[in-house]
Amino acid sequence: MRNEKLTGLFLIMPAFVYLMFFLIVYPFGYNIYESFFQYSMLTDTSKFIGMGNYIGLMKNPQFLNSMKVSGIVVILGLAIETVLGLLIAMALNQKFKGR
């Protein structure tokens, strides 16, 4: 039985590696690479600017504010979901009619 499981894993491994590379690794790496360039859509040209895009982001007050708001939403959302989940689990753990 164990040998059959390993055979199945070895048979799907090439497809898994292929999908992981072309659906996750390559697009992520290509986006990182592209983020070091400045593009002009009018002239269809690009210019290497290095960390300029990232420096511009860190100086932009709208971006910093949106990161702060996103962080607050994530923290509050996780806290509320955790508390509600715990309360529901505790309620369902009690003996009640129909359980």
N, C-alpha and C. Protein backbone atom coordinates (compact mmCIF):
# COMPACT_ATOMS: atom_id res chain seq x y z
N MET A 1 0.83 -1.21 0.00
CA MET A 1 0.00 0.00 0.00
C MET A 1 0.86 1.25 0.00
N ARG A 2 1.91 1.28 0.82
CA ARG A 2 2.78 2.44 0.90
C ARG A 2 3.49 2.70 -0.42
N ASN A 3 3.89 1.65 -1.09
CA ASN A 3 4.58 1.78 -2.37
C ASN A 3 3.67 2.40 -3.42
N GLU A 4 2.37 2.07 -3.38
CA GLU A 4 1.42 2.64 -4.33
C GLU A 4 1.24 4.14 -4.10
N LYS A 5 1.25 4.58 -2.84
CA LYS A 5 1.12 6.01 -2.53
C LYS A 5 2.34 6.77 -3.05
N LEU A 6 3.52 6.20 -2.84
CA LEU A 6 4.73 6.86 -3.33
C LEU A 6 4.75 6.92 -4.85
N THR A 7 4.29 5.86 -5.50
CA THR A 7 4.25 5.86 -6.97
C THR A 7 3.32 6.96 -7.47
N GLY A 8 2.17 7.10 -6.83
CA GLY A 8 1.24 8.16 -7.21
C GLY A 8 1.84 9.54 -7.02
N LEU A 9 2.54 9.75 -5.91
CA LEU A 9 3.17 11.04 -5.66
C LEU A 9 4.25 11.35 -6.70
N PHE A 10 5.04 10.33 -7.05
CA PHE A 10 6.08 10.54 -8.05
C PHE A 10 5.49 10.82 -9.43
N LEU A 11 4.33 10.26 -9.72
CA LEU A 11 3.70 10.48 -11.02
C LEU A 11 3.12 11.89 -11.15
N ILE A 12 2.61 12.45 -10.06
CA ILE A 12 2.04 13.80 -10.16
C ILE A 12 3.08 14.89 -9.90
N MET A 13 4.26 14.53 -9.42
CA MET A 13 5.27 15.53 -9.08
C MET A 13 5.66 16.43 -10.26
N PRO A 14 5.90 15.90 -11.48
CA PRO A 14 6.25 16.81 -12.60
C PRO A 14 5.17 17.85 -12.89
N ALA A 15 3.91 17.44 -12.85
CA ALA A 15 2.82 18.38 -13.10
C ALA A 15 2.75 19.41 -11.99
N PHE A 16 2.94 18.98 -10.75
CA PHE A 16 2.91 19.89 -9.61
C PHE A 16 4.02 20.93 -9.71
N VAL A 17 5.23 20.48 -10.01
CA VAL A 17 6.37 21.40 -10.13
C VAL A 17 6.13 22.37 -11.29
N TYR A 18 5.64 21.87 -12.42
CA TYR A 18 5.35 22.71 -13.58
C TYR A 18 4.33 23.79 -13.22
N LEU A 19 3.25 23.40 -12.57
CA LEU A 19 2.21 24.36 -12.22
C LEU A 19 2.72 25.38 -11.20
N MET A 20 3.45 24.93 -10.20
CA MET A 20 3.99 25.85 -9.20
C MET A 20 4.92 26.88 -9.84
N PHE A 21 5.75 26.41 -10.78
CA PHE A 21 6.69 27.34 -11.41
C PHE A 21 5.97 28.34 -12.28
N PHE A 22 5.09 27.88 -13.18
CA PHE A 22 4.48 28.78 -14.16
C PHE A 22 3.28 29.55 -13.63
N LEU A 23 2.71 29.12 -12.52
CA LEU A 23 1.57 29.86 -11.96
C LEU A 23 1.95 30.72 -10.76
N ILE A 24 3.08 30.44 -10.11
CA ILE A 24 3.44 31.19 -8.90
C ILE A 24 4.83 31.79 -9.00
N VAL A 25 5.84 30.98 -9.19
CA VAL A 25 7.22 31.44 -9.11
C VAL A 25 7.57 32.41 -10.24
N TYR A 26 7.30 32.02 -11.48
CA TYR A 26 7.66 32.88 -12.61
C TYR A 26 6.92 34.21 -12.60
N PRO A 27 5.58 34.25 -12.43
CA PRO A 27 4.91 35.55 -12.41
C PRO A 27 5.39 36.45 -11.27
N PHE A 28 5.62 35.87 -10.09
CA PHE A 28 6.10 36.66 -8.96
C PHE A 28 7.48 37.25 -9.26
N GLY A 29 8.38 36.43 -9.76
CA GLY A 29 9.72 36.90 -10.10
C GLY A 29 9.71 37.95 -11.20
N TYR A 30 8.87 37.74 -12.21
CA TYR A 30 8.78 38.70 -13.32
C TYR A 30 8.24 40.04 -12.83
N ASN A 31 7.28 40.03 -11.94
CA ASN A 31 6.75 41.29 -11.40
C ASN A 31 7.79 42.03 -10.57
N ILE A 32 8.57 41.30 -9.81
CA ILE A 32 9.66 41.94 -9.06
C ILE A 32 10.65 42.57 -10.04
N TYR A 33 11.01 41.84 -11.08
CA TYR A 33 11.94 42.36 -12.10
C TYR A 33 11.38 43.62 -12.75
N GLU A 34 10.11 43.59 -13.14
CA GLU A 34 9.49 44.73 -13.82
C GLU A 34 9.36 45.95 -12.91
N SER A 35 9.32 45.74 -11.61
CA SER A 35 9.13 46.86 -10.69
C SER A 35 10.35 47.77 -10.63
N PHE A 36 11.46 47.35 -11.19
CA PHE A 36 12.66 48.18 -11.20
C PHE A 36 12.75 49.07 -12.45
N PHE A 37 11.70 49.10 -13.26
CA PHE A 37 11.69 49.90 -14.48
C PHE A 37 10.56 50.92 -14.44
N GLN A 38 10.77 52.02 -15.19
CA GLN A 38 9.73 53.03 -15.36
C GLN A 38 9.29 52.97 -16.82
N TYR A 39 7.99 52.81 -17.03
CA TYR A 39 7.46 52.66 -18.37
C TYR A 39 6.71 53.91 -18.80
N SER A 40 6.82 54.20 -20.10
CA SER A 40 6.03 55.27 -20.70
C SER A 40 5.10 54.62 -21.71
N MET A 41 3.79 54.74 -21.49
CA MET A 41 2.83 54.13 -22.41
C MET A 41 2.69 54.94 -23.70
N LEU A 42 3.05 56.21 -23.64
CA LEU A 42 2.94 57.04 -24.84
C LEU A 42 4.01 56.68 -25.87
N THR A 43 5.24 56.50 -25.39
CA THR A 43 6.34 56.19 -26.32
C THR A 43 6.71 54.71 -26.31
N ASP A 44 6.08 53.92 -25.48
CA ASP A 44 6.34 52.49 -25.36
C ASP A 44 7.82 52.21 -25.08
N THR A 45 8.37 52.96 -24.15
CA THR A 45 9.78 52.77 -23.77
C THR A 45 9.87 52.51 -22.27
N SER A 46 10.96 51.91 -21.88
CA SER A 46 11.19 51.66 -20.46
C SER A 46 12.59 52.12 -20.10
N LYS A 47 12.74 52.49 -18.82
CA LYS A 47 14.02 52.97 -18.32
C LYS A 47 14.25 52.36 -16.95
N PHE A 48 15.46 51.82 -16.74
CA PHE A 48 15.79 51.23 -15.45
C PHE A 48 15.95 52.34 -14.42
N ILE A 49 15.20 52.23 -13.30
CA ILE A 49 15.32 53.24 -12.24
C ILE A 49 15.66 52.62 -10.89
N GLY A 50 15.90 51.32 -10.87
CA GLY A 50 16.29 50.66 -9.63
C GLY A 50 15.20 50.72 -8.57
N MET A 51 15.56 51.18 -7.40
CA MET A 51 14.63 51.22 -6.27
C MET A 51 13.75 52.48 -6.28
N GLY A 52 13.76 53.24 -7.35
CA GLY A 52 13.01 54.49 -7.43
C GLY A 52 11.52 54.33 -7.19
N ASN A 53 10.92 53.27 -7.74
CA ASN A 53 9.49 53.04 -7.52
C ASN A 53 9.19 52.79 -6.05
N TYR A 54 10.04 52.03 -5.39
CA TYR A 54 9.82 51.71 -3.97
C TYR A 54 10.06 52.94 -3.09
N ILE A 55 11.05 53.73 -3.43
CA ILE A 55 11.31 54.96 -2.67
C ILE A 55 10.14 55.92 -2.82
N GLY A 56 9.61 56.01 -4.03
CA GLY A 56 8.43 56.86 -4.27
C GLY A 56 7.23 56.40 -3.47
N LEU A 57 7.05 55.08 -3.35
CA LEU A 57 5.95 54.56 -2.55
C LEU A 57 6.09 54.94 -1.09
N MET A 58 7.29 54.80 -0.57
CA MET A 58 7.51 55.09 0.85
C MET A 58 7.39 56.58 1.19
N LYS A 59 7.51 57.43 0.18
CA LYS A 59 7.35 58.87 0.39
C LYS A 59 5.92 59.35 0.16
N ASN A 60 5.07 58.50 -0.41
CA ASN A 60 3.71 58.87 -0.75
C ASN A 60 2.80 58.73 0.48
N PRO A 61 2.24 59.84 0.98
CA PRO A 61 1.39 59.77 2.18
C PRO A 61 0.12 58.96 1.96
N GLN A 62 -0.42 58.94 0.75
CA GLN A 62 -1.63 58.15 0.48
C GLN A 62 -1.34 56.65 0.63
N PHE A 63 -0.19 56.21 0.12
CA PHE A 63 0.18 54.80 0.24
C PHE A 63 0.38 54.42 1.70
N LEU A 64 1.09 55.27 2.44
CA LEU A 64 1.34 54.97 3.85
C LEU A 64 0.03 54.93 4.63
N ASN A 65 -0.89 55.84 4.33
CA ASN A 65 -2.19 55.84 5.00
C ASN A 65 -2.98 54.58 4.65
N SER A 66 -2.94 54.17 3.38
CA SER A 66 -3.67 52.96 2.99
C SER A 66 -3.08 51.72 3.65
N MET A 67 -1.77 51.68 3.86
CA MET A 67 -1.15 50.56 4.55
C MET A 67 -1.58 50.53 6.02
N LYS A 68 -1.68 51.71 6.63
CA LYS A 68 -2.12 51.79 8.02
C LYS A 68 -3.56 51.33 8.16
N VAL A 69 -4.43 51.79 7.27
CA VAL A 69 -5.84 51.40 7.31
C VAL A 69 -5.98 49.90 7.06
N SER A 70 -5.23 49.36 6.11
CA SER A 70 -5.28 47.93 5.83
C SER A 70 -4.83 47.13 7.04
N GLY A 71 -3.79 47.57 7.72
CA GLY A 71 -3.32 46.88 8.92
C GLY A 71 -4.37 46.88 10.01
N ILE A 72 -5.03 48.01 10.20
CA ILE A 72 -6.08 48.09 11.22
C ILE A 72 -7.24 47.15 10.88
N VAL A 73 -7.65 47.12 9.61
CA VAL A 73 -8.74 46.25 9.19
C VAL A 73 -8.37 44.78 9.42
N VAL A 74 -7.14 44.41 9.08
CA VAL A 74 -6.69 43.02 9.26
C VAL A 74 -6.68 42.65 10.74
N ILE A 75 -6.12 43.50 11.58
CA ILE A 75 -6.03 43.19 13.01
C ILE A 75 -7.42 43.11 13.63
N LEU A 76 -8.29 44.07 13.33
CA LEU A 76 -9.65 44.03 13.88
C LEU A 76 -10.43 42.83 13.34
N GLY A 77 -10.29 42.56 12.06
CA GLY A 77 -10.99 41.42 11.47
C GLY A 77 -10.56 40.10 12.09
N LEU A 78 -9.26 39.92 12.27
CA LEU A 78 -8.77 38.69 12.90
C LEU A 78 -9.24 38.57 14.34
N ALA A 79 -9.23 39.67 15.07
CA ALA A 79 -9.67 39.63 16.47
C ALA A 79 -11.14 39.27 16.56
N ILE A 80 -11.97 39.90 15.73
CA ILE A 80 -13.41 39.63 15.77
C ILE A 80 -13.69 38.19 15.34
N GLU A 81 -13.05 37.72 14.28
CA GLU A 81 -13.26 36.35 13.82
C GLU A 81 -12.82 35.34 14.85
N THR A 82 -11.72 35.60 15.52
CA THR A 82 -11.22 34.67 16.55
C THR A 82 -12.19 34.59 17.72
N VAL A 83 -12.64 35.73 18.19
CA VAL A 83 -13.56 35.75 19.32
C VAL A 83 -14.89 35.09 18.94
N LEU A 84 -15.45 35.44 17.78
CA LEU A 84 -16.71 34.82 17.36
C LEU A 84 -16.56 33.32 17.16
N GLY A 85 -15.47 32.90 16.55
CA GLY A 85 -15.24 31.47 16.35
C GLY A 85 -15.14 30.72 17.65
N LEU A 86 -14.44 31.30 18.62
CA LEU A 86 -14.31 30.67 19.93
C LEU A 86 -15.67 30.59 20.64
N LEU A 87 -16.44 31.67 20.58
CA LEU A 87 -17.77 31.66 21.21
C LEU A 87 -18.70 30.63 20.57
N ILE A 88 -18.67 30.55 19.25
CA ILE A 88 -19.52 29.56 18.56
C ILE A 88 -19.07 28.14 18.90
N ALA A 89 -17.76 27.91 18.93
CA ALA A 89 -17.25 26.58 19.28
C ALA A 89 -17.63 26.21 20.70
N MET A 90 -17.54 27.16 21.62
CA MET A 90 -17.91 26.87 23.00
C MET A 90 -19.42 26.60 23.12
N ALA A 91 -20.23 27.33 22.36
CA ALA A 91 -21.68 27.11 22.41
C ALA A 91 -22.04 25.75 21.82
N LEU A 92 -21.38 25.37 20.73
CA LEU A 92 -21.68 24.09 20.11
C LEU A 92 -21.12 22.91 20.91
N ASN A 93 -20.20 23.16 21.82
CA ASN A 93 -19.63 22.11 22.64
C ASN A 93 -20.54 21.73 23.81
N GLN A 94 -21.54 22.54 24.10
CA GLN A 94 -22.47 22.27 25.18
C GLN A 94 -23.51 21.24 24.73
N LYS A 95 -24.10 20.57 25.71
CA LYS A 95 -25.17 19.62 25.38
C LYS A 95 -26.47 20.39 25.20
N PHE A 96 -27.13 20.16 24.08
CA PHE A 96 -28.41 20.81 23.83
C PHE A 96 -29.26 19.87 22.99
N LYS A 97 -30.54 20.13 23.00
CA LYS A 97 -31.49 19.27 22.29
C LYS A 97 -31.23 19.33 20.78
N GLY A 98 -31.17 18.18 20.15
CA GLY A 98 -30.93 18.12 18.72
C GLY A 98 -29.47 17.92 18.34
N ARG A 99 -28.61 17.87 19.32
CA ARG A 99 -27.19 17.71 19.01
C ARG A 99 -26.94 16.34 18.57
